Amino acid sequence: MAENNERSEYFEDRAGTDEARFHVVPHGDGQWAVKTEGEDEPDNTFSSKSEAVDEAKKMAEEARTMAIIHNDDGQIEKQHNYQSE
């Protein structure tokens, strides 16, 4: 339980900052959402995962952060890093 609290606090600390990342996550009946780290509501929802991935990558590239793609079970399957060095 302490791990979940630490994880939630970590994401809350990043919310609204330049370090916030964009996540593609399952969202209801076959839908996919792009969510900003630490935010409850999705930025956008899509009928296909590929559309959501394209949008998350675009948003992450513009913000110079990361797009994190999750599978149907919510596990991370891929990350795209657009952070400046």
C-alpha atoms as a PDB file:
ATOM      1  CA  MET A   1       0.000   0.000   0.000  1.00  0.00           C
ATOM      2  CA  ALA A   2       2.846   2.417   0.784  1.00  0.00           C
ATOM      3  CA  GLU A   3       4.218   1.824  -2.725  1.00  0.00           C
ATOM      4  CA  ASN A   4       0.913   3.002  -4.273  1.00  0.00           C
ATOM      5  CA  ASN A   5       0.966   6.169  -2.148  1.00  0.00           C
ATOM      6  CA  GLU A   6       4.559   6.918  -3.160  1.00  0.00           C
ATOM      7  CA  ARG A   7       3.709   6.308  -6.796  1.00  0.00           C
ATOM      8  CA  SER A   8       0.651   8.578  -6.646  1.00  0.00           C
ATOM      9  CA  GLU A   9       2.693  11.290  -4.950  1.00  0.00           C
ATOM     10  CA  TYR A  10       5.396  10.993  -7.623  1.00  0.00           C
ATOM     11  CA  PHE A  11       2.851  11.496 -10.421  1.00  0.00           C
ATOM     12  CA  GLU A  12       1.120  14.355  -8.568  1.00  0.00           C
ATOM     13  CA  ASP A  13       4.469  16.126  -8.182  1.00  0.00           C
ATOM     14  CA  ARG A  14       5.032  15.933 -11.955  1.00  0.00           C
ATOM     15  CA  ALA A  15       1.506  17.026 -12.924  1.00  0.00           C
ATOM     16  CA  GLY A  16       1.438  20.406 -14.597  1.00  0.00           C
ATOM     17  CA  THR A  17       5.230  20.542 -14.942  1.00  0.00           C
ATOM     18  CA  ASP A  18       7.499  20.238 -17.957  1.00  0.00           C
ATOM     19  CA  GLU A  19       8.373  16.764 -16.684  1.00  0.00           C
ATOM     20  CA  ALA A  20       4.810  15.448 -17.063  1.00  0.00           C
ATOM     21  CA  ARG A  21       4.702  12.588 -19.541  1.00  0.00           C
ATOM     22  CA  PHE A  22       1.874  11.450 -21.804  1.00  0.00           C
ATOM     23  CA  HIS A  23       0.447   7.962 -21.349  1.00  0.00           C
ATOM     24  CA  VAL A  24      -1.646   5.931 -23.787  1.00  0.00           C
ATOM     25  CA  VAL A  25      -3.984   3.777 -21.709  1.00  0.00           C
ATOM     26  CA  PRO A  26      -7.082   1.613 -22.264  1.00  0.00           C
ATOM     27  CA  HIS A  27     -10.253   3.640 -21.681  1.00  0.00           C
ATOM     28  CA  GLY A  28     -13.533   1.746 -21.535  1.00  0.00           C
ATOM     29  CA  ASP A  29     -15.242  -0.093 -24.394  1.00  0.00           C
ATOM     30  CA  GLY A  30     -12.335  -0.531 -26.779  1.00  0.00           C
ATOM     31  CA  GLN A  31     -11.388   3.118 -26.458  1.00  0.00           C
ATOM     32  CA  TRP A  32      -7.869   4.446 -25.835  1.00  0.00           C
ATOM     33  CA  ALA A  33      -6.957   7.622 -23.993  1.00  0.00           C
ATOM     34  CA  VAL A  34      -4.004   9.959 -23.899  1.00  0.00           C
ATOM     35  CA  LYS A  35      -3.512  11.114 -20.315  1.00  0.00           C
ATOM     36  CA  THR A  36      -1.045  13.605 -18.917  1.00  0.00           C
ATOM     37  CA  GLU A  37       0.815  12.170 -15.961  1.00  0.00           C
ATOM     38  CA  GLY A  38      -0.844  13.094 -12.681  1.00  0.00           C
ATOM     39  CA  GLU A  39      -4.145  14.164 -14.250  1.00  0.00           C
ATOM     40  CA  ASP A  40      -7.396  12.291 -13.647  1.00  0.00           C
ATOM     41  CA  GLU A  41      -9.148  13.135 -16.904  1.00  0.00           C
ATOM     42  CA  PRO A  42      -7.781  12.154 -20.324  1.00  0.00           C
ATOM     43  CA  ASP A  43      -6.571  14.823 -22.736  1.00  0.00           C
ATOM     44  CA  ASN A  44      -8.169  12.934 -25.632  1.00  0.00           C
ATOM     45  CA  THR A  45      -9.875   9.634 -26.329  1.00  0.00           C
ATOM     46  CA  PHE A  46      -9.676   7.619 -29.532  1.00  0.00           C
ATOM     47  CA  SER A  47     -11.375   4.595 -31.035  1.00  0.00           C
ATOM     48  CA  SER A  48      -8.033   2.999 -31.917  1.00  0.00           C
ATOM     49  CA  LYS A  49      -4.776   2.559 -30.079  1.00  0.00           C
ATOM     50  CA  SER A  50      -2.740   3.673 -33.096  1.00  0.00           C
ATOM     51  CA  GLU A  51      -4.530   7.047 -33.168  1.00  0.00           C
ATOM     52  CA  ALA A  52      -3.868   7.511 -29.461  1.00  0.00           C
ATOM     53  CA  VAL A  53      -0.189   6.569 -29.888  1.00  0.00           C
ATOM     54  CA  ASP A  54       0.230   9.051 -32.756  1.00  0.00           C
ATOM     55  CA  GLU A  55      -1.320  11.845 -30.665  1.00  0.00           C
ATOM     56  CA  ALA A  56       0.726  11.034 -27.550  1.00  0.00           C
ATOM     57  CA  LYS A  57       3.953  10.992 -29.573  1.00  0.00           C
ATOM     58  CA  LYS A  58       3.084  14.347 -31.149  1.00  0.00           C
ATOM     59  CA  MET A  59       2.259  15.876 -27.753  1.00  0.00           C
ATOM     60  CA  ALA A  60       5.428  14.474 -26.179  1.00  0.00           C
ATOM     61  CA  GLU A  61       7.611  15.714 -29.014  1.00  0.00           C
ATOM     62  CA  GLU A  62       6.146  19.226 -28.752  1.00  0.00           C
ATOM     63  CA  ALA A  63       6.599  19.224 -24.961  1.00  0.00           C
ATOM     64  CA  ARG A  64      10.030  17.543 -25.175  1.00  0.00           C
ATOM     65  CA  THR A  65       9.040  14.815 -22.769  1.00  0.00           C
ATOM     66  CA  MET A  66       8.058  11.143 -23.114  1.00  0.00           C
ATOM     67  CA  ALA A  67       5.155   9.171 -24.540  1.00  0.00           C
ATOM     68  CA  ILE A  68       4.536   5.969 -22.605  1.00  0.00           C
ATOM     69  CA  ILE A  69       2.425   3.311 -24.288  1.00  0.00           C
ATOM     70  CA  HIS A  70       0.533   0.756 -22.184  1.00  0.00           C
ATOM     71  CA  ASN A  71      -0.990  -2.548 -23.261  1.00  0.00           C
ATOM     72  CA  ASP A  72      -4.552  -3.777 -22.675  1.00  0.00           C
ATOM     73  CA  ASP A  73      -3.634  -4.776 -19.113  1.00  0.00           C
ATOM     74  CA  GLY A  74      -2.177  -1.356 -18.305  1.00  0.00           C
ATOM     75  CA  GLN A  75       1.442  -2.542 -18.327  1.00  0.00           C
ATOM     76  CA  ILE A  76       4.047  -0.390 -20.085  1.00  0.00           C
ATOM     77  CA  GLU A  77       4.957  -1.891 -23.439  1.00  0.00           C
ATOM     78  CA  LYS A  78       6.940   0.925 -25.091  1.00  0.00           C
ATOM     79  CA  GLN A  79       8.374   4.374 -24.400  1.00  0.00           C
ATOM     80  CA  HIS A  80       9.233   7.175 -26.813  1.00  0.00           C
ATOM     81  CA  ASN A  81      11.699   9.711 -25.434  1.00  0.00           C
ATOM     82  CA  TYR A  82      11.647  13.236 -26.866  1.00  0.00           C
ATOM     83  CA  GLN A  83      13.497  14.889 -23.975  1.00  0.00           C
ATOM     84  CA  SER A  84      16.213  17.312 -24.979  1.00  0.00           C
ATOM     85  CA  GLU A  85      19.676  16.345 -23.922  1.00  0.00           C
END
